N, C-alpha and C. Protein backbone atom coordinates (compact mmCIF):
# COMPACT_ATOMS: atom_id res chain seq x y z
N MET A 1 269.90 117.74 144.10
CA MET A 1 270.96 119.04 144.79
C MET A 1 272.21 118.22 145.06
N PRO A 2 273.30 119.43 144.39
CA PRO A 2 274.54 119.32 144.30
C PRO A 2 275.40 119.47 145.72
N ALA A 3 276.43 118.16 145.61
CA ALA A 3 277.02 118.06 146.68
C ALA A 3 277.44 119.08 147.55
N ASN A 4 278.04 120.08 146.73
CA ASN A 4 278.47 121.44 147.25
C ASN A 4 277.86 122.56 147.66
N GLU A 5 276.25 122.43 147.43
CA GLU A 5 275.69 123.41 147.54
C GLU A 5 275.60 123.94 148.90
N GLY A 6 275.70 125.40 149.16
CA GLY A 6 276.38 125.95 150.32
C GLY A 6 277.44 125.82 150.67
N THR A 7 278.64 125.40 149.88
CA THR A 7 280.24 125.17 149.98
C THR A 7 280.49 125.92 148.90
N SER A 8 281.35 126.98 149.89
CA SER A 8 281.99 128.20 149.10
C SER A 8 283.59 127.59 148.08
N PRO A 9 283.88 128.24 147.19
CA PRO A 9 284.96 127.70 146.52
C PRO A 9 286.12 127.49 147.69
N ALA A 10 286.61 128.02 148.43
CA ALA A 10 287.52 128.07 149.06
C ALA A 10 287.29 126.94 150.20
N ARG A 11 286.06 125.98 150.26
CA ARG A 11 286.55 124.98 151.08
C ARG A 11 286.31 123.71 150.18
N LEU A 12 286.21 123.84 148.84
CA LEU A 12 286.27 122.56 147.92
C LEU A 12 287.78 122.22 147.70
N PRO A 13 288.11 120.95 147.64
CA PRO A 13 289.22 120.74 147.54
C PRO A 13 289.98 120.96 145.94
N ARG A 14 291.01 121.53 146.06
CA ARG A 14 291.85 122.76 144.85
C ARG A 14 293.01 122.22 143.87
N LEU A 15 292.95 121.46 143.14
CA LEU A 15 294.10 121.12 141.71
C LEU A 15 294.61 122.48 141.57
N GLN A 16 296.29 122.26 141.94
CA GLN A 16 296.66 123.24 141.52
C GLN A 16 297.63 122.50 139.78
N LEU A 17 297.46 123.00 138.44
CA LEU A 17 297.61 122.99 137.72
C LEU A 17 299.01 123.64 136.90
N PHE A 18 299.31 124.83 137.61
CA PHE A 18 300.25 125.80 137.12
C PHE A 18 301.20 125.14 138.42
N GLY A 19 302.69 124.88 137.69
CA GLY A 19 303.61 124.66 138.26
C GLY A 19 303.87 123.26 138.53
N ARG A 20 304.00 123.23 140.46
CA ARG A 20 303.94 121.45 140.52
C ARG A 20 302.54 120.71 140.88
N PHE A 21 301.93 119.92 140.24
CA PHE A 21 300.85 119.78 140.42
C PHE A 21 300.60 119.30 141.74
N ARG A 22 299.44 119.42 142.34
CA ARG A 22 299.28 118.92 143.65
C ARG A 22 297.76 119.36 144.01
N LEU A 23 297.40 118.49 144.91
CA LEU A 23 296.27 118.86 145.34
C LEU A 23 296.31 119.21 146.87
N THR A 24 295.11 120.45 147.54
CA THR A 24 294.91 120.86 148.52
C THR A 24 293.47 121.22 148.95
N HIS A 25 293.19 120.54 150.51
CA HIS A 25 291.63 120.86 151.26
C HIS A 25 291.92 121.14 151.91
N SER A 26 291.00 122.02 152.45
CA SER A 26 291.02 122.85 153.87
C SER A 26 292.52 123.35 154.38
N GLY A 27 293.61 123.99 153.26
CA GLY A 27 294.63 124.16 153.04
C GLY A 27 295.80 123.25 153.36
N ASN A 28 294.84 122.30 153.60
CA ASN A 28 296.76 121.21 153.61
C ASN A 28 296.66 120.24 152.44
N ASP A 29 297.68 120.16 152.10
CA ASP A 29 298.33 119.19 150.87
C ASP A 29 297.45 117.84 151.46
N VAL A 30 297.17 117.16 150.37
CA VAL A 30 296.66 116.03 149.76
C VAL A 30 297.44 115.37 149.21
N THR A 31 297.81 113.72 150.06
CA THR A 31 299.03 112.79 149.56
C THR A 31 298.22 112.09 148.10
N LEU A 32 298.78 112.61 147.01
CA LEU A 32 298.26 111.84 145.73
C LEU A 32 298.50 110.39 145.56
N PRO A 33 297.34 109.36 144.95
CA PRO A 33 298.01 108.23 144.55
C PRO A 33 299.43 108.45 143.75
N GLY A 34 299.37 106.49 143.02
CA GLY A 34 300.77 107.07 141.98
C GLY A 34 300.77 107.45 140.99
N ARG A 35 301.59 107.89 140.28
CA ARG A 35 302.10 108.47 138.85
C ARG A 35 301.18 108.60 137.83
N LYS A 36 300.39 107.18 137.48
CA LYS A 36 299.65 107.47 136.67
C LYS A 36 298.10 107.61 136.86
N ALA A 37 297.75 107.74 138.21
CA ALA A 37 295.97 108.33 138.81
C ALA A 37 296.81 109.64 138.90
N ARG A 38 297.88 110.18 139.07
CA ARG A 38 297.90 111.62 139.05
C ARG A 38 297.69 112.07 137.59
N ALA A 39 298.65 111.44 136.66
CA ALA A 39 298.24 111.93 134.75
C ALA A 39 296.76 111.84 134.64
N ILE A 40 296.43 110.75 135.01
CA ILE A 40 294.89 110.96 134.85
C ILE A 40 294.03 111.74 135.33
N LEU A 41 293.92 112.27 136.48
CA LEU A 41 293.66 112.95 137.33
C LEU A 41 293.71 114.42 136.46
N ALA A 42 295.08 115.29 136.07
CA ALA A 42 295.49 115.67 135.40
C ALA A 42 295.02 115.78 134.10
N TYR A 43 294.60 114.69 133.64
CA TYR A 43 294.17 115.07 132.22
C TYR A 43 292.59 115.32 132.29
N LEU A 44 291.75 114.77 132.71
CA LEU A 44 290.76 114.94 133.20
C LEU A 44 290.55 116.39 133.49
N SER A 45 291.25 117.08 134.22
CA SER A 45 290.75 118.32 135.29
C SER A 45 290.97 119.32 134.07
N LEU A 46 291.51 118.88 132.73
CA LEU A 46 291.67 120.00 131.73
C LEU A 46 290.28 119.78 131.19
N ALA A 47 289.50 119.20 131.25
CA ALA A 47 288.31 119.16 130.30
C ALA A 47 287.37 118.62 131.57
N VAL A 48 287.09 119.39 132.61
CA VAL A 48 286.09 118.96 133.81
C VAL A 48 284.63 119.01 133.06
N GLY A 49 283.72 117.52 133.47
CA GLY A 49 282.94 117.78 132.80
C GLY A 49 282.70 116.50 131.77
N LEU A 50 283.31 116.39 131.12
CA LEU A 50 283.77 115.64 129.52
C LEU A 50 284.25 114.67 130.16
N ALA A 51 283.57 113.49 129.84
CA ALA A 51 283.76 112.42 129.41
C ALA A 51 285.18 111.72 128.63
N ALA A 52 286.06 110.72 129.57
CA ALA A 52 287.06 110.06 128.83
C ALA A 52 287.06 108.88 128.55
N SER A 53 286.98 108.30 127.69
CA SER A 53 286.71 107.10 127.23
C SER A 53 287.97 105.87 128.00
N ARG A 54 287.48 104.99 128.47
CA ARG A 54 288.08 104.38 129.39
C ARG A 54 289.60 103.96 128.27
N ALA A 55 289.35 103.33 126.90
CA ALA A 55 289.82 102.72 126.04
C ALA A 55 290.98 104.14 125.81
N GLU A 56 290.61 105.24 125.78
CA GLU A 56 291.47 106.47 125.44
C GLU A 56 292.35 106.58 126.39
N LEU A 57 291.73 106.37 128.00
CA LEU A 57 292.73 106.73 128.93
C LEU A 57 293.84 105.41 129.19
N SER A 58 293.30 104.30 128.88
CA SER A 58 294.31 103.05 128.79
C SER A 58 295.32 103.46 127.39
N CYS A 59 294.92 103.57 126.47
CA CYS A 59 295.98 103.71 125.65
C CYS A 59 297.10 104.92 125.67
N LEU A 60 296.62 106.16 126.78
CA LEU A 60 297.23 107.26 126.79
C LEU A 60 298.51 107.06 127.72
N MET A 61 298.06 106.45 128.58
CA MET A 61 298.72 106.18 129.84
C MET A 61 299.46 104.89 129.99
N TRP A 62 299.47 103.88 129.30
CA TRP A 62 299.65 102.25 129.09
C TRP A 62 300.21 102.07 128.00
N THR A 63 301.00 102.85 127.36
CA THR A 63 301.39 102.58 125.77
C THR A 63 302.02 101.44 125.49
N ASP A 64 303.02 100.59 126.86
CA ASP A 64 303.64 99.26 126.92
C ASP A 64 303.19 98.40 127.16
N ARG A 65 301.90 98.71 127.49
CA ARG A 65 301.55 97.15 127.76
C ARG A 65 300.08 96.60 126.84
N GLY A 66 299.75 95.53 126.89
CA GLY A 66 299.01 94.97 126.10
C GLY A 66 297.43 95.67 126.48
N ALA A 67 296.63 95.08 125.89
CA ALA A 67 294.99 95.94 126.46
C ALA A 67 294.53 95.43 127.48
N ASP A 68 294.61 94.26 127.90
CA ASP A 68 294.06 93.54 129.35
C ASP A 68 295.07 94.05 130.03
N GLN A 69 296.08 94.11 129.97
CA GLN A 69 296.78 94.51 131.55
C GLN A 69 296.97 96.06 131.53
N ALA A 70 296.64 96.84 130.55
CA ALA A 70 296.27 98.52 130.23
C ALA A 70 295.26 98.83 131.11
N ARG A 71 294.06 97.83 131.00
CA ARG A 71 292.70 97.92 130.85
C ARG A 71 292.74 97.58 132.79
N ALA A 72 293.00 96.81 133.10
CA ALA A 72 293.19 96.43 134.27
C ALA A 72 294.72 97.09 135.07
N SER A 73 294.93 97.76 135.01
CA SER A 73 296.34 98.90 135.05
C SER A 73 295.16 100.30 135.79
N LEU A 74 294.36 100.64 134.34
CA LEU A 74 293.30 101.86 134.83
C LEU A 74 292.01 101.42 135.78
N ARG A 75 291.67 100.09 135.79
CA ARG A 75 291.01 100.26 137.09
C ARG A 75 291.67 100.36 138.13
N GLN A 76 292.59 100.07 138.33
CA GLN A 76 293.22 100.32 139.86
C GLN A 76 293.54 101.40 139.98
N SER A 77 294.03 102.18 138.84
CA SER A 77 294.45 103.74 139.24
C SER A 77 292.99 104.39 139.50
N LEU A 78 291.75 104.29 138.47
CA LEU A 78 290.82 105.13 139.00
C LEU A 78 290.03 104.26 140.68
N LYS A 79 290.15 103.17 140.88
CA LYS A 79 290.14 103.07 142.34
C LYS A 79 291.06 103.61 143.42
N GLU A 80 292.08 103.97 143.16
CA GLU A 80 292.95 104.61 143.85
C GLU A 80 292.39 106.20 144.22
N LEU A 81 292.03 106.91 142.72
CA LEU A 81 291.30 108.24 142.69
C LEU A 81 289.91 108.03 143.35
N ARG A 82 289.05 107.22 143.49
CA ARG A 82 287.65 107.22 143.93
C ARG A 82 287.86 107.14 145.81
N GLU A 83 288.95 106.25 145.89
CA GLU A 83 289.18 106.33 147.38
C GLU A 83 289.66 107.57 147.95
N LEU A 84 289.94 108.06 147.27
CA LEU A 84 290.76 109.91 147.74
C LEU A 84 289.80 110.29 148.36
N ALA A 85 289.41 110.34 149.88
CA ALA A 85 288.83 110.87 150.28
C ALA A 85 288.20 112.40 149.94
N ALA A 86 289.38 113.45 149.74
CA ALA A 86 289.24 114.56 149.32
C ALA A 86 288.66 114.92 147.75
N LEU A 87 288.75 114.06 147.00
CA LEU A 87 287.70 114.03 145.88
C LEU A 87 286.60 113.07 146.04
N HIS A 88 286.21 112.96 147.50
CA HIS A 88 285.09 112.05 147.41
C HIS A 88 284.02 112.97 146.56
N GLY A 89 283.59 111.46 145.66
CA GLY A 89 282.13 111.43 144.56
C GLY A 89 282.84 112.60 143.06
N ALA A 90 284.15 112.79 143.01
CA ALA A 90 284.51 113.66 141.91
C ALA A 90 284.72 113.04 140.98
N VAL A 91 285.40 111.77 140.93
CA VAL A 91 285.73 111.02 139.91
C VAL A 91 284.77 110.01 140.14
N THR A 92 283.75 109.87 138.75
CA THR A 92 282.82 109.01 138.59
C THR A 92 283.20 108.43 137.08
N THR A 93 282.54 107.28 137.13
CA THR A 93 282.71 106.37 136.26
C THR A 93 281.80 104.87 135.54
N THR A 94 281.36 104.98 134.52
CA THR A 94 280.84 103.73 133.77
C THR A 94 281.47 102.90 133.41
N ARG A 95 280.89 101.75 132.59
CA ARG A 95 281.73 100.79 132.37
C ARG A 95 282.54 101.24 130.86
N ASP A 96 282.02 102.43 130.15
CA ASP A 96 282.75 102.75 129.68
C ASP A 96 283.42 104.43 129.33
N GLU A 97 283.15 104.89 130.50
CA GLU A 97 283.82 106.31 130.58
C GLU A 97 284.33 106.50 132.06
N VAL A 98 284.79 107.70 131.55
CA VAL A 98 285.46 108.23 133.65
C VAL A 98 285.47 109.94 133.20
N ARG A 99 285.07 110.59 134.06
CA ARG A 99 284.62 111.84 133.93
C ARG A 99 285.13 112.60 135.43
N LEU A 100 285.19 113.81 135.71
CA LEU A 100 285.29 114.17 136.83
C LEU A 100 284.22 115.34 136.98
N ASP A 101 283.72 115.74 138.45
CA ASP A 101 282.71 116.46 138.42
C ASP A 101 283.14 117.70 138.87
N GLY A 102 283.21 118.57 138.27
CA GLY A 102 283.81 120.07 138.40
C GLY A 102 282.99 120.62 139.89
N ASP A 103 281.57 120.03 140.39
CA ASP A 103 281.09 120.68 141.06
C ASP A 103 282.02 120.22 142.60
N ARG A 104 282.57 119.12 142.68
CA ARG A 104 283.37 118.96 143.41
C ARG A 104 284.74 119.31 144.07
N PHE A 105 285.31 120.17 143.19
CA PHE A 105 286.51 120.67 143.55
C PHE A 105 287.05 121.98 142.18
N THR A 106 287.91 122.82 142.78
CA THR A 106 287.83 123.48 141.89
C THR A 106 289.80 123.74 141.01
N THR A 107 290.07 124.45 140.83
CA THR A 107 291.22 124.18 139.92
C THR A 107 292.10 125.54 139.97
N ASP A 108 293.27 125.79 140.19
CA ASP A 108 293.51 127.54 139.49
C ASP A 108 293.69 127.58 138.31
N LEU A 109 293.09 127.01 137.26
CA LEU A 109 293.36 127.36 135.76
C LEU A 109 291.87 127.76 136.36
N ASN A 110 291.08 126.74 136.25
CA ASN A 110 288.93 127.69 136.36
C ASN A 110 289.01 128.61 136.87
N GLU A 111 290.04 129.00 138.05
CA GLU A 111 289.71 130.08 138.99
C GLU A 111 290.42 131.37 138.25
N VAL A 112 291.45 131.20 137.61
CA VAL A 112 291.69 132.22 136.69
C VAL A 112 291.14 132.59 135.21
N GLY A 113 290.30 131.70 134.92
CA GLY A 113 289.68 131.48 133.51
C GLY A 113 288.12 132.43 134.14
N HIS A 114 287.74 131.95 135.14
CA HIS A 114 286.59 132.73 135.78
C HIS A 114 286.75 134.14 136.04
N ALA A 115 288.01 134.44 137.14
CA ALA A 115 287.91 135.55 136.99
C ALA A 115 288.23 136.83 135.98
N ALA A 116 288.87 136.44 134.86
CA ALA A 116 289.35 137.01 133.42
C ALA A 116 287.59 136.97 133.10
N ASN A 117 286.52 135.86 132.98
CA ASN A 117 285.63 135.91 132.17
C ASN A 117 284.59 136.88 133.21
N SER A 118 284.50 137.30 134.29
CA SER A 118 283.67 137.96 135.09
C SER A 118 284.35 139.65 135.16
N HIS A 119 284.94 139.60 134.32
CA HIS A 119 286.06 140.62 134.76
C HIS A 119 286.55 140.94 136.09
N ASP A 120 286.62 140.34 136.87
CA ASP A 120 287.67 140.48 138.44
C ASP A 120 289.16 140.80 138.69
N LEU A 121 289.23 142.15 137.95
CA LEU A 121 290.51 142.32 137.72
C LEU A 121 291.56 142.20 139.05
N PRO A 122 291.06 142.64 140.14
CA PRO A 122 292.18 142.02 141.05
C PRO A 122 292.01 140.74 141.87
N THR A 123 290.85 139.93 141.48
CA THR A 123 291.30 138.65 141.64
C THR A 123 292.16 137.98 140.85
N LEU A 124 291.86 138.14 139.57
CA LEU A 124 292.49 137.66 138.02
C LEU A 124 294.42 138.28 138.65
N ALA A 125 294.59 139.59 138.96
CA ALA A 125 296.11 139.77 139.37
C ALA A 125 296.44 139.59 140.24
N GLY A 126 295.53 138.92 141.62
CA GLY A 126 296.10 137.84 142.61
C GLY A 126 296.10 136.47 142.04
N LEU A 127 295.49 135.99 141.40
CA LEU A 127 295.63 134.67 141.11
C LEU A 127 297.07 134.64 139.87
N LEU A 128 297.30 135.33 139.32
CA LEU A 128 298.37 135.42 138.21
C LEU A 128 299.85 135.36 138.93
N ASP A 129 299.24 136.48 140.19
CA ASP A 129 300.87 136.63 140.77
C ASP A 129 301.34 135.07 141.62
N GLU A 130 300.37 134.21 141.56
CA GLU A 130 300.47 133.19 142.28
C GLU A 130 300.76 132.05 141.62
N ILE A 131 300.64 132.10 140.27
CA ILE A 131 301.27 130.97 139.50
C ILE A 131 302.83 130.92 139.69
N ARG A 132 303.56 129.95 139.98
CA ARG A 132 304.46 129.41 139.89
C ARG A 132 305.38 128.54 138.63
N GLY A 133 305.30 128.44 137.76
CA GLY A 133 305.60 127.85 136.55
C GLY A 133 304.45 127.00 135.47
N ASP A 134 304.82 126.30 134.53
CA ASP A 134 304.12 125.98 133.76
C ASP A 134 302.51 125.40 133.35
N LEU A 135 301.80 125.29 132.64
CA LEU A 135 300.85 124.21 133.01
C LEU A 135 301.07 122.57 133.19
N LEU A 136 300.33 122.10 133.76
CA LEU A 136 300.83 120.65 134.44
C LEU A 136 302.35 120.23 134.02
N GLU A 137 303.78 121.23 134.78
CA GLU A 137 304.88 121.30 134.56
C GLU A 137 305.60 119.67 134.82
């Protein structure tokens, strides 16, 4: 049974990808971990449900470090994300991959896409009116 069965999208944690990147839960801002952990969360949120390899993430985020140090830094950032109560269970990892479970949170980008695909013009107009800034500004 999905973790959010019976949970309305309004009660799910919400990532704002347009404008200033932020996470809200139950209407409150959630303090996000370090800059690299936020970057990983933003990156994964653009391809919800698809896995990114640990090698890919460590190469993207820590270009200035050796492979061992980059892997250690990735482990630390993933630990910070997994410990974030608002995203409980949303960040899943295996030995080789990292993924974000789209059933455990929502994003403004996904909400816009859903409203557009379902031809819900009033909702789409409201969401577009709320957008302040570029994608991952």
